[in-house]
Amino acid sequence: MNKQIRAERALRKQALIDTIAAQRSDLSQTTEHWLEKTESLDRTWQTVVRLRPLVVAGLSLISVFSVRHPKKLYLWGQRAVGLWGVIRTIQANFPRNKPHS
């Protein structure tokens, strides 16, 4: 009985080890794909992090300006949203030609 239990445990252990190996292989393949797809987002984030002092200074100036001239800030916000919409429309209608790897 004891030998039978050990044999079952050994088989179960080997099955788990095989499952883990397959999962690790899938994970390594998926990681490469994930890094490839998020590369542009990573570059953007690195740019934001590099420009952090400028962003903080700019936000400070905007906050002081908004206290003194709230209506102007609202109008500039509307203009920014409108400009963003125009940029997105242009990007949608004129896609970039990216070389395929």
PDB file of N, CA and C in Angstrom:
ATOM      1  N   MET A   1       0.836  -1.189   0.000  1.00  0.00           N
ATOM      2  CA  MET A   1       0.000   0.000   0.000  1.00  0.00           C
ATOM      3  C   MET A   1       0.883   1.256   0.000  1.00  0.00           C
ATOM      4  N   ASN A   2       1.933   1.253   0.810  1.00  0.00           N
ATOM      5  CA  ASN A   2       2.812   2.400   0.932  1.00  0.00           C
ATOM      6  C   ASN A   2       3.555   2.666  -0.381  1.00  0.00           C
ATOM      7  N   LYS A   3       3.986   1.597  -1.070  1.00  0.00           N
ATOM      8  CA  LYS A   3       4.671   1.746  -2.351  1.00  0.00           C
ATOM      9  C   LYS A   3       3.720   2.306  -3.406  1.00  0.00           C
ATOM     10  N   GLN A   4       2.484   1.891  -3.342  1.00  0.00           N
ATOM     11  CA  GLN A   4       1.490   2.378  -4.300  1.00  0.00           C
ATOM     12  C   GLN A   4       1.233   3.884  -4.111  1.00  0.00           C
ATOM     13  N   ILE A   5       1.152   4.323  -2.867  1.00  0.00           N
ATOM     14  CA  ILE A   5       0.941   5.744  -2.579  1.00  0.00           C
ATOM     15  C   ILE A   5       2.137   6.555  -3.043  1.00  0.00           C
ATOM     16  N   ARG A   6       3.343   6.049  -2.790  1.00  0.00           N
ATOM     17  CA  ARG A   6       4.549   6.744  -3.248  1.00  0.00           C
ATOM     18  C   ARG A   6       4.580   6.853  -4.768  1.00  0.00           C
ATOM     19  N   ALA A   7       4.213   5.793  -5.455  1.00  0.00           N
ATOM     20  CA  ALA A   7       4.196   5.798  -6.918  1.00  0.00           C
ATOM     21  C   ALA A   7       3.170   6.813  -7.438  1.00  0.00           C
ATOM     22  N   GLU A   8       1.997   6.863  -6.808  1.00  0.00           N
ATOM     23  CA  GLU A   8       0.973   7.831  -7.211  1.00  0.00           C
ATOM     24  C   GLU A   8       1.458   9.267  -6.975  1.00  0.00           C
ATOM     25  N   ARG A   9       2.092   9.468  -5.840  1.00  0.00           N
ATOM     26  CA  ARG A   9       2.624  10.805  -5.538  1.00  0.00           C
ATOM     27  C   ARG A   9       3.713  11.193  -6.530  1.00  0.00           C
ATOM     28  N   ALA A  10       4.578  10.253  -6.876  1.00  0.00           N
ATOM     29  CA  ALA A  10       5.642  10.528  -7.840  1.00  0.00           C
ATOM     30  C   ALA A  10       5.047  10.875  -9.210  1.00  0.00           C
ATOM     31  N   LEU A  11       4.009  10.150  -9.624  1.00  0.00           N
ATOM     32  CA  LEU A  11       3.354  10.450 -10.892  1.00  0.00           C
ATOM     33  C   LEU A  11       2.689  11.828 -10.858  1.00  0.00           C
ATOM     34  N   ARG A  12       2.028  12.103  -9.743  1.00  0.00           N
ATOM     35  CA  ARG A  12       1.355  13.403  -9.576  1.00  0.00           C
ATOM     36  C   ARG A  12       2.389  14.540  -9.573  1.00  0.00           C
ATOM     37  N   LYS A  13       3.513  14.317  -8.895  1.00  0.00           N
ATOM     38  CA  LYS A  13       4.572  15.315  -8.841  1.00  0.00           C
ATOM     39  C   LYS A  13       5.136  15.564 -10.228  1.00  0.00           C
ATOM     40  N   GLN A  14       5.369  14.522 -10.981  1.00  0.00           N
ATOM     41  CA  GLN A  14       5.908  14.668 -12.336  1.00  0.00           C
ATOM     42  C   GLN A  14       4.915  15.391 -13.232  1.00  0.00           C
ATOM     43  N   ALA A  15       3.620  15.098 -13.079  1.00  0.00           N
ATOM     44  CA  ALA A  15       2.600  15.790 -13.865  1.00  0.00           C
ATOM     45  C   ALA A  15       2.582  17.282 -13.534  1.00  0.00           C
ATOM     46  N   LEU A  16       2.713  17.618 -12.257  1.00  0.00           N
ATOM     47  CA  LEU A  16       2.757  19.025 -11.856  1.00  0.00           C
ATOM     48  C   LEU A  16       4.002  19.724 -12.399  1.00  0.00           C
ATOM     49  N   ILE A  17       5.139  19.039 -12.353  1.00  0.00           N
ATOM     50  CA  ILE A  17       6.379  19.608 -12.879  1.00  0.00           C
ATOM     51  C   ILE A  17       6.251  19.865 -14.379  1.00  0.00           C
ATOM     52  N   ASP A  18       5.642  18.922 -15.110  1.00  0.00           N
ATOM     53  CA  ASP A  18       5.429  19.102 -16.546  1.00  0.00           C
ATOM     54  C   ASP A  18       4.490  20.282 -16.820  1.00  0.00           C
ATOM     55  N   THR A  19       3.453  20.412 -16.003  1.00  0.00           N
ATOM     56  CA  THR A  19       2.519  21.534 -16.157  1.00  0.00           C
ATOM     57  C   THR A  19       3.227  22.860 -15.918  1.00  0.00           C
ATOM     58  N   ILE A  20       4.052  22.914 -14.883  1.00  0.00           N
ATOM     59  CA  ILE A  20       4.802  24.132 -14.567  1.00  0.00           C
ATOM     60  C   ILE A  20       5.753  24.480 -15.707  1.00  0.00           C
ATOM     61  N   ALA A  21       6.427  23.491 -16.255  1.00  0.00           N
ATOM     62  CA  ALA A  21       7.358  23.743 -17.369  1.00  0.00           C
ATOM     63  C   ALA A  21       6.611  24.297 -18.578  1.00  0.00           C
ATOM     64  N   ALA A  22       5.435  23.756 -18.873  1.00  0.00           N
ATOM     65  CA  ALA A  22       4.641  24.245 -20.002  1.00  0.00           C
ATOM     66  C   ALA A  22       4.180  25.683 -19.751  1.00  0.00           C
ATOM     67  N   GLN A  23       3.772  25.976 -18.517  1.00  0.00           N
ATOM     68  CA  GLN A  23       3.333  27.330 -18.184  1.00  0.00           C
ATOM     69  C   GLN A  23       4.482  28.324 -18.294  1.00  0.00           C
ATOM     70  N   ARG A  24       5.669  27.931 -17.873  1.00  0.00           N
ATOM     71  CA  ARG A  24       6.829  28.816 -17.978  1.00  0.00           C
ATOM     72  C   ARG A  24       7.167  29.091 -19.434  1.00  0.00           C
ATOM     73  N   SER A  25       7.074  28.082 -20.269  1.00  0.00           N
ATOM     74  CA  SER A  25       7.344  28.257 -21.694  1.00  0.00           C
ATOM     75  C   SER A  25       6.324  29.220 -22.316  1.00  0.00           C
ATOM     76  N   ASP A  26       5.047  29.020 -22.002  1.00  0.00           N
ATOM     77  CA  ASP A  26       4.010  29.919 -22.513  1.00  0.00           C
ATOM     78  C   ASP A  26       4.226  31.348 -22.025  1.00  0.00           C
ATOM     79  N   LEU A  27       4.605  31.492 -20.772  1.00  0.00           N
ATOM     80  CA  LEU A  27       4.829  32.814 -20.198  1.00  0.00           C
ATOM     81  C   LEU A  27       5.982  33.532 -20.880  1.00  0.00           C
ATOM     82  N   SER A  28       7.051  32.819 -21.161  1.00  0.00           N
ATOM     83  CA  SER A  28       8.199  33.467 -21.812  1.00  0.00           C
ATOM     84  C   SER A  28       7.841  33.904 -23.229  1.00  0.00           C
ATOM     85  N   GLN A  29       7.053  33.105 -23.943  1.00  0.00           N
ATOM     86  CA  GLN A  29       6.632  33.494 -25.288  1.00  0.00           C
ATOM     87  C   GLN A  29       5.685  34.689 -25.239  1.00  0.00           C
ATOM     88  N   THR A  30       4.773  34.691 -24.275  1.00  0.00           N
ATOM     89  CA  THR A  30       3.817  35.779 -24.143  1.00  0.00           C
ATOM     90  C   THR A  30       4.509  37.062 -23.700  1.00  0.00           C
ATOM     91  N   THR A  31       5.541  36.955 -22.879  1.00  0.00           N
ATOM     92  CA  THR A  31       6.267  38.133 -22.403  1.00  0.00           C
ATOM     93  C   THR A  31       6.882  38.897 -23.568  1.00  0.00           C
ATOM     94  N   GLU A  32       7.486  38.187 -24.499  1.00  0.00           N
ATOM     95  CA  GLU A  32       8.079  38.840 -25.664  1.00  0.00           C
ATOM     96  C   GLU A  32       7.018  39.585 -26.467  1.00  0.00           C
ATOM     97  N   HIS A  33       5.871  38.946 -26.662  1.00  0.00           N
ATOM     98  CA  HIS A  33       4.771  39.570 -27.400  1.00  0.00           C
ATOM     99  C   HIS A  33       4.263  40.799 -26.654  1.00  0.00           C
ATOM    100  N   TRP A  34       4.129  40.693 -25.341  1.00  0.00           N
ATOM    101  CA  TRP A  34       3.637  41.806 -24.514  1.00  0.00           C
ATOM    102  C   TRP A  34       4.599  42.996 -24.587  1.00  0.00           C
ATOM    103  N   LEU A  35       5.881  42.739 -24.473  1.00  0.00           N
ATOM    104  CA  LEU A  35       6.867  43.820 -24.539  1.00  0.00           C
ATOM    105  C   LEU A  35       6.856  44.505 -25.908  1.00  0.00           C
ATOM    106  N   GLU A  36       6.652  43.708 -26.945  1.00  0.00           N
ATOM    107  CA  GLU A  36       6.595  44.257 -28.295  1.00  0.00           C
ATOM    108  C   GLU A  36       5.377  45.175 -28.457  1.00  0.00           C
ATOM    109  N   LYS A  37       4.251  44.774 -27.922  1.00  0.00           N
ATOM    110  CA  LYS A  37       3.013  45.552 -28.066  1.00  0.00           C
ATOM    111  C   LYS A  37       3.005  46.813 -27.202  1.00  0.00           C
ATOM    112  N   THR A  38       3.688  46.802 -26.081  1.00  0.00           N
ATOM    113  CA  THR A  38       3.661  47.952 -25.168  1.00  0.00           C
ATOM    114  C   THR A  38       4.893  48.852 -25.319  1.00  0.00           C
ATOM    115  N   GLU A  39       5.686  48.617 -26.347  1.00  0.00           N
ATOM    116  CA  GLU A  39       6.920  49.378 -26.522  1.00  0.00           C
ATOM    117  C   GLU A  39       6.654  50.880 -26.677  1.00  0.00           C
ATOM    118  N   SER A  40       5.647  51.263 -27.469  1.00  0.00           N
ATOM    119  CA  SER A  40       5.372  52.694 -27.670  1.00  0.00           C
ATOM    120  C   SER A  40       4.888  53.335 -26.374  1.00  0.00           C
ATOM    121  N   LEU A  41       4.094  52.623 -25.602  1.00  0.00           N
ATOM    122  CA  LEU A  41       3.627  53.147 -24.322  1.00  0.00           C
ATOM    123  C   LEU A  41       4.801  53.326 -23.361  1.00  0.00           C
ATOM    124  N   ASP A  42       5.731  52.395 -23.364  1.00  0.00           N
ATOM    125  CA  ASP A  42       6.914  52.505 -22.510  1.00  0.00           C
ATOM    126  C   ASP A  42       7.761  53.721 -22.878  1.00  0.00           C
ATOM    127  N   ARG A  43       7.919  53.966 -24.182  1.00  0.00           N
ATOM    128  CA  ARG A  43       8.683  55.144 -24.616  1.00  0.00           C
ATOM    129  C   ARG A  43       8.001  56.426 -24.168  1.00  0.00           C
ATOM    130  N   THR A  44       6.667  56.471 -24.299  1.00  0.00           N
ATOM    131  CA  THR A  44       5.921  57.658 -23.875  1.00  0.00           C
ATOM    132  C   THR A  44       6.083  57.872 -22.382  1.00  0.00           C
ATOM    133  N   TRP A  45       5.972  56.802 -21.611  1.00  0.00           N
ATOM    134  CA  TRP A  45       6.101  56.914 -20.159  1.00  0.00           C
ATOM    135  C   TRP A  45       7.493  57.402 -19.779  1.00  0.00           C
ATOM    136  N   GLN A  46       8.525  56.901 -20.431  1.00  0.00           N
ATOM    137  CA  GLN A  46       9.887  57.337 -20.144  1.00  0.00           C
ATOM    138  C   GLN A  46      10.065  58.826 -20.453  1.00  0.00           C
ATOM    139  N   THR A  47       9.421  59.305 -21.517  1.00  0.00           N
ATOM    140  CA  THR A  47       9.483  60.727 -21.848  1.00  0.00           C
ATOM    141  C   THR A  47       8.821  61.558 -20.758  1.00  0.00           C
ATOM    142  N   VAL A  48       7.664  61.109 -20.280  1.00  0.00           N
ATOM    143  CA  VAL A  48       6.952  61.825 -19.216  1.00  0.00           C
ATOM    144  C   VAL A  48       7.793  61.860 -17.948  1.00  0.00           C
ATOM    145  N   VAL A  49       8.410  60.747 -17.611  1.00  0.00           N
ATOM    146  CA  VAL A  49       9.236  60.685 -16.401  1.00  0.00           C
ATOM    147  C   VAL A  49      10.440  61.616 -16.529  1.00  0.00           C
ATOM    148  N   ARG A  50      11.022  61.662 -17.727  1.00  0.00           N
ATOM    149  CA  ARG A  50      12.173  62.529 -17.947  1.00  0.00           C
ATOM    150  C   ARG A  50      11.797  64.009 -17.844  1.00  0.00           C
ATOM    151  N   LEU A  51      10.571  64.342 -18.275  1.00  0.00           N
ATOM    152  CA  LEU A  51      10.119  65.733 -18.263  1.00  0.00           C
ATOM    153  C   LEU A  51       9.350  66.098 -16.996  1.00  0.00           C
ATOM    154  N   ARG A  52       9.408  65.266 -15.988  1.00  0.00           N
ATOM    155  CA  ARG A  52       8.631  65.475 -14.767  1.00  0.00           C
ATOM    156  C   ARG A  52       8.854  66.841 -14.117  1.00  0.00           C
ATOM    157  N   PRO A  53      10.079  67.303 -13.977  1.00  0.00           N
ATOM    158  CA  PRO A  53      10.252  68.636 -13.368  1.00  0.00           C
ATOM    159  C   PRO A  53       9.548  69.743 -14.152  1.00  0.00           C
ATOM    160  N   LEU A  54       9.597  69.658 -15.479  1.00  0.00           N
ATOM    161  CA  LEU A  54       8.906  70.657 -16.293  1.00  0.00           C
ATOM    162  C   LEU A  54       7.394  70.557 -16.138  1.00  0.00           C
ATOM    163  N   VAL A  55       6.891  69.333 -16.055  1.00  0.00           N
ATOM    164  CA  VAL A  55       5.447  69.138 -15.875  1.00  0.00           C
ATOM    165  C   VAL A  55       5.000  69.706 -14.534  1.00  0.00           C
ATOM    166  N   VAL A  56       5.756  69.459 -13.497  1.00  0.00           N
ATOM    167  CA  VAL A  56       5.412  69.979 -12.166  1.00  0.00           C
ATOM    168  C   VAL A  56       5.430  71.510 -12.184  1.00  0.00           C
ATOM    169  N   ALA A  57       6.437  72.106 -12.797  1.00  0.00           N
ATOM    170  CA  ALA A  57       6.506  73.569 -12.871  1.00  0.00           C
ATOM    171  C   ALA A  57       5.342  74.123 -13.685  1.00  0.00           C
ATOM    172  N   GLY A  58       5.031  73.482 -14.783  1.00  0.00           N
ATOM    173  CA  GLY A  58       3.917  73.922 -15.618  1.00  0.00           C
ATOM    174  C   GLY A  58       2.590  73.834 -14.896  1.00  0.00           C
ATOM    175  N   LEU A  59       2.377  72.733 -14.183  1.00  0.00           N
ATOM    176  CA  LEU A  59       1.128  72.585 -13.425  1.00  0.00           C
ATOM    177  C   LEU A  59       1.038  73.617 -12.312  1.00  0.00           C
ATOM    178  N   SER A  60       2.159  73.963 -11.719  1.00  0.00           N
ATOM    179  CA  SER A  60       2.162  75.001 -10.689  1.00  0.00           C
ATOM    180  C   SER A  60       1.749  76.342 -11.277  1.00  0.00           C
ATOM    181  N   LEU A  61       2.308  76.677 -12.418  1.00  0.00           N
ATOM    182  CA  LEU A  61       1.934  77.934 -13.080  1.00  0.00           C
ATOM    183  C   LEU A  61       0.463  77.939 -13.483  1.00  0.00           C
ATOM    184  N   ILE A  62      -0.011  76.825 -13.986  1.00  0.00           N
ATOM    185  CA  ILE A  62      -1.419  76.732 -14.379  1.00  0.00           C
ATOM    186  C   ILE A  62      -2.327  76.894 -13.173  1.00  0.00           C
ATOM    187  N   SER A  63      -1.954  76.308 -12.050  1.00  0.00           N
ATOM    188  CA  SER A  63      -2.802  76.428 -10.860  1.00  0.00           C
ATOM    189  C   SER A  63      -2.848  77.870 -10.368  1.00  0.00           C
ATOM    190  N   VAL A  64      -1.722  78.575 -10.403  1.00  0.00           N
ATOM    191  CA  VAL A  64      -1.718  79.986 -10.005  1.00  0.00           C
ATOM    192  C   VAL A  64      -2.553  80.801 -10.987  1.00  0.00           C
ATOM    193  N   PHE A  65      -2.394  80.529 -12.269  1.00  0.00           N
ATOM    194  CA  PHE A  65      -3.159  81.241 -13.298  1.00  0.00           C
ATOM    195  C   PHE A  65      -4.653  80.983 -13.149  1.00  0.00           C
ATOM    196  N   SER A  66      -5.011  79.725 -12.815  1.00  0.00           N
ATOM    197  CA  SER A  66      -6.429  79.380 -12.697  1.00  0.00           C
ATOM    198  C   SER A  66      -7.088  80.090 -11.519  1.00  0.00           C
ATOM    199  N   VAL A  67      -6.336  80.367 -10.480  1.00  0.00           N
ATOM    200  CA  VAL A  67      -6.890  81.091  -9.341  1.00  0.00           C
ATOM    201  C   VAL A  67      -7.149  82.549  -9.739  1.00  0.00           C
ATOM    202  N   ARG A  68      -6.257  83.108 -10.521  1.00  0.00           N
ATOM    203  CA  ARG A  68      -6.399  84.512 -10.902  1.00  0.00           C
ATOM    204  C   ARG A  68      -7.381  84.718 -12.053  1.00  0.00           C
ATOM    205  N   HIS A  69      -7.414  83.763 -13.025  1.00  0.00           N
ATOM    206  CA  HIS A  69      -8.259  83.912 -14.217  1.00  0.00           C
ATOM    207  C   HIS A  69      -8.977  82.594 -14.534  1.00  0.00           C
ATOM    208  N   PRO A  70      -9.986  82.212 -13.751  1.00  0.00           N
ATOM    209  CA  PRO A  70     -10.636  80.913 -13.971  1.00  0.00           C
ATOM    210  C   PRO A  70     -11.342  80.811 -15.323  1.00  0.00           C
ATOM    211  N   LYS A  71     -11.914  81.901 -15.828  1.00  0.00           N
ATOM    212  CA  LYS A  71     -12.630  81.848 -17.098  1.00  0.00           C
ATOM    213  C   LYS A  71     -11.669  81.583 -18.260  1.00  0.00           C
ATOM    214  N   LYS A  72     -10.500  82.211 -18.225  1.00  0.00           N
ATOM    215  CA  LYS A  72      -9.507  81.993 -19.277  1.00  0.00           C
ATOM    216  C   LYS A  72      -9.021  80.538 -19.274  1.00  0.00           C
ATOM    217  N   LEU A  73      -8.855  79.998 -18.073  1.00  0.00           N
ATOM    218  CA  LEU A  73      -8.411  78.605 -17.988  1.00  0.00           C
ATOM    219  C   LEU A  73      -9.457  77.677 -18.602  1.00  0.00           C
ATOM    220  N   TYR A  74     -10.712  77.960 -18.356  1.00  0.00           N
ATOM    221  CA  TYR A  74     -11.796  77.154 -18.920  1.00  0.00           C
ATOM    222  C   TYR A  74     -11.759  77.231 -20.446  1.00  0.00           C
ATOM    223  N   LEU A  75     -11.582  78.436 -20.998  1.00  0.00           N
ATOM    224  CA  LEU A  75     -11.527  78.600 -22.447  1.00  0.00           C
ATOM    225  C   LEU A  75     -10.329  77.863 -23.039  1.00  0.00           C
ATOM    226  N   TRP A  76      -9.165  77.944 -22.382  1.00  0.00           N
ATOM    227  CA  TRP A  76      -7.986  77.216 -22.858  1.00  0.00           C
ATOM    228  C   TRP A  76      -8.197  75.707 -22.780  1.00  0.00           C
ATOM    229  N   GLY A  77      -8.921  75.262 -21.760  1.00  0.00           N
ATOM    230  CA  GLY A  77      -9.249  73.840 -21.662  1.00  0.00           C
ATOM    231  C   GLY A  77     -10.107  73.381 -22.829  1.00  0.00           C
ATOM    232  N   GLN A  78     -11.098  74.207 -23.200  1.00  0.00           N
ATOM    233  CA  GLN A  78     -11.940  73.878 -24.349  1.00  0.00           C
ATOM    234  C   GLN A  78     -11.110  73.826 -25.626  1.00  0.00           C
ATOM    235  N   ARG A  79     -10.221  74.778 -25.788  1.00  0.00           N
ATOM    236  CA  ARG A  79      -9.363  74.788 -26.968  1.00  0.00           C
ATOM    237  C   ARG A  79      -8.463  73.553 -27.022  1.00  0.00           C
ATOM    238  N   ALA A  80      -7.947  73.173 -25.878  1.00  0.00           N
ATOM    239  CA  ALA A  80      -7.076  71.987 -25.822  1.00  0.00           C
ATOM    240  C   ALA A  80      -7.841  70.734 -26.211  1.00  0.00           C
ATOM    241  N   VAL A  81      -9.061  70.595 -25.700  1.00  0.00           N
ATOM    242  CA  VAL A  81      -9.877  69.424 -26.045  1.00  0.00           C
ATOM    243  C   VAL A  81     -10.197  69.431 -27.532  1.00  0.00           C
ATOM    244  N   GLY A  82     -10.511  70.601 -28.077  1.00  0.00           N
ATOM    245  CA  GLY A  82     -10.786  70.700 -29.502  1.00  0.00           C
ATOM    246  C   GLY A  82      -9.575  70.346 -30.346  1.00  0.00           C
ATOM    247  N   LEU A  83      -8.420  70.845 -29.949  1.00  0.00           N
ATOM    248  CA  LEU A  83      -7.183  70.537 -30.666  1.00  0.00           C
ATOM    249  C   LEU A  83      -6.873  69.044 -30.607  1.00  0.00           C
ATOM    250  N   TRP A  84      -7.089  68.443 -29.441  1.00  0.00           N
ATOM    251  CA  TRP A  84      -6.866  67.006 -29.291  1.00  0.00           C
ATOM    252  C   TRP A  84      -7.767  66.219 -30.243  1.00  0.00           C
ATOM    253  N   GLY A  85      -9.027  66.653 -30.367  1.00  0.00           N
ATOM    254  CA  GLY A  85      -9.954  65.994 -31.293  1.00  0.00           C
ATOM    255  C   GLY A  85      -9.494  66.110 -32.733  1.00  0.00           C
ATOM    256  N   VAL A  86      -8.998  67.287 -33.116  1.00  0.00           N
ATOM    257  CA  VAL A  86      -8.505  67.484 -34.474  1.00  0.00           C
ATOM    258  C   VAL A  86      -7.299  66.578 -34.741  1.00  0.00           C
ATOM    259  N   ILE A  87      -6.389  66.515 -33.780  1.00  0.00           N
ATOM    260  CA  ILE A  87      -5.202  65.666 -33.933  1.00  0.00           C
ATOM    261  C   ILE A  87      -5.603  64.203 -34.082  1.00  0.00           C
ATOM    262  N   ARG A  88      -6.538  63.751 -33.257  1.00  0.00           N
ATOM    263  CA  ARG A  88      -6.983  62.345 -33.343  1.00  0.00           C
ATOM    264  C   ARG A  88      -7.658  62.066 -34.685  1.00  0.00           C
ATOM    265  N   THR A  89      -8.438  63.022 -35.190  1.00  0.00           N
ATOM    266  CA  THR A  89      -9.097  62.854 -36.476  1.00  0.00           C
ATOM    267  C   THR A  89      -8.066  62.753 -37.597  1.00  0.00           C
ATOM    268  N   ILE A  90      -7.067  63.618 -37.557  1.00  0.00           N
ATOM    269  CA  ILE A  90      -6.014  63.579 -38.575  1.00  0.00           C
ATOM    270  C   ILE A  90      -5.255  62.262 -38.502  1.00  0.00           C
ATOM    271  N   GLN A  91      -4.947  61.808 -37.299  1.00  0.00           N
ATOM    272  CA  GLN A  91      -4.233  60.529 -37.160  1.00  0.00           C
ATOM    273  C   GLN A  91      -5.068  59.369 -37.667  1.00  0.00           C
ATOM    274  N   ALA A  92      -6.381  59.429 -37.450  1.00  0.00           N
ATOM    275  CA  ALA A  92      -7.249  58.344 -37.907  1.00  0.00           C
ATOM    276  C   ALA A  92      -7.351  58.319 -39.428  1.00  0.00           C
ATOM    277  N   ASN A  93      -7.364  59.495 -40.054  1.00  0.00           N
ATOM    278  CA  ASN A  93      -7.521  59.563 -41.503  1.00  0.00           C
ATOM    279  C   ASN A  93      -6.218  59.389 -42.272  1.00  0.00           C
ATOM    280  N   PHE A  94      -5.109  59.662 -41.627  1.00  0.00           N
ATOM    281  CA  PHE A  94      -3.797  59.509 -42.264  1.00  0.00           C
ATOM    282  C   PHE A  94      -2.915  58.613 -41.404  1.00  0.00           C
ATOM    283  N   PRO A  95      -3.106  57.296 -41.507  1.00  0.00           N
ATOM    284  CA  PRO A  95      -2.311  56.405 -40.649  1.00  0.00           C
ATOM    285  C   PRO A  95      -0.839  56.438 -41.035  1.00  0.00           C
ATOM    286  N   ARG A  96      -0.017  56.233 -40.025  1.00  0.00           N
ATOM    287  CA  ARG A  96       1.438  56.208 -40.247  1.00  0.00           C
ATOM    288  C   ARG A  96       1.814  54.914 -40.924  1.00  0.00           C
ATOM    289  N   ASN A  97       2.788  54.993 -41.794  1.00  0.00           N
ATOM    290  CA  ASN A  97       3.304  53.786 -42.434  1.00  0.00           C
ATOM    291  C   ASN A  97       4.397  53.224 -41.574  1.00  0.00           C
ATOM    292  N   LYS A  98       4.118  52.117 -40.925  1.00  0.00           N
ATOM    293  CA  LYS A  98       5.113  51.481 -40.067  1.00  0.00           C
ATOM    294  C   LYS A  98       5.692  50.275 -40.807  1.00  0.00           C
ATOM    295  N   PRO A  99       7.005  50.135 -40.803  1.00  0.00           N
ATOM    296  CA  PRO A  99       7.590  48.940 -41.415  1.00  0.00           C
ATOM    297  C   PRO A  99       7.249  47.712 -40.594  1.00  0.00           C
ATOM    298  N   HIS A 100       6.896  46.658 -41.274  1.00  0.00           N
ATOM    299  CA  HIS A 100       6.539  45.419 -40.587  1.00  0.00           C
ATOM    300  C   HIS A 100       7.786  44.594 -40.311  1.00  0.00           C
ATOM    301  N   SER A 101       7.880  44.090 -39.094  1.00  0.00           N
ATOM    302  CA  SER A 101       9.053  43.301 -38.705  1.00  0.00           C
ATOM    303  C   SER A 101       8.866  41.873 -39.080  1.00  0.00           C
TER     304      SER A 101
END
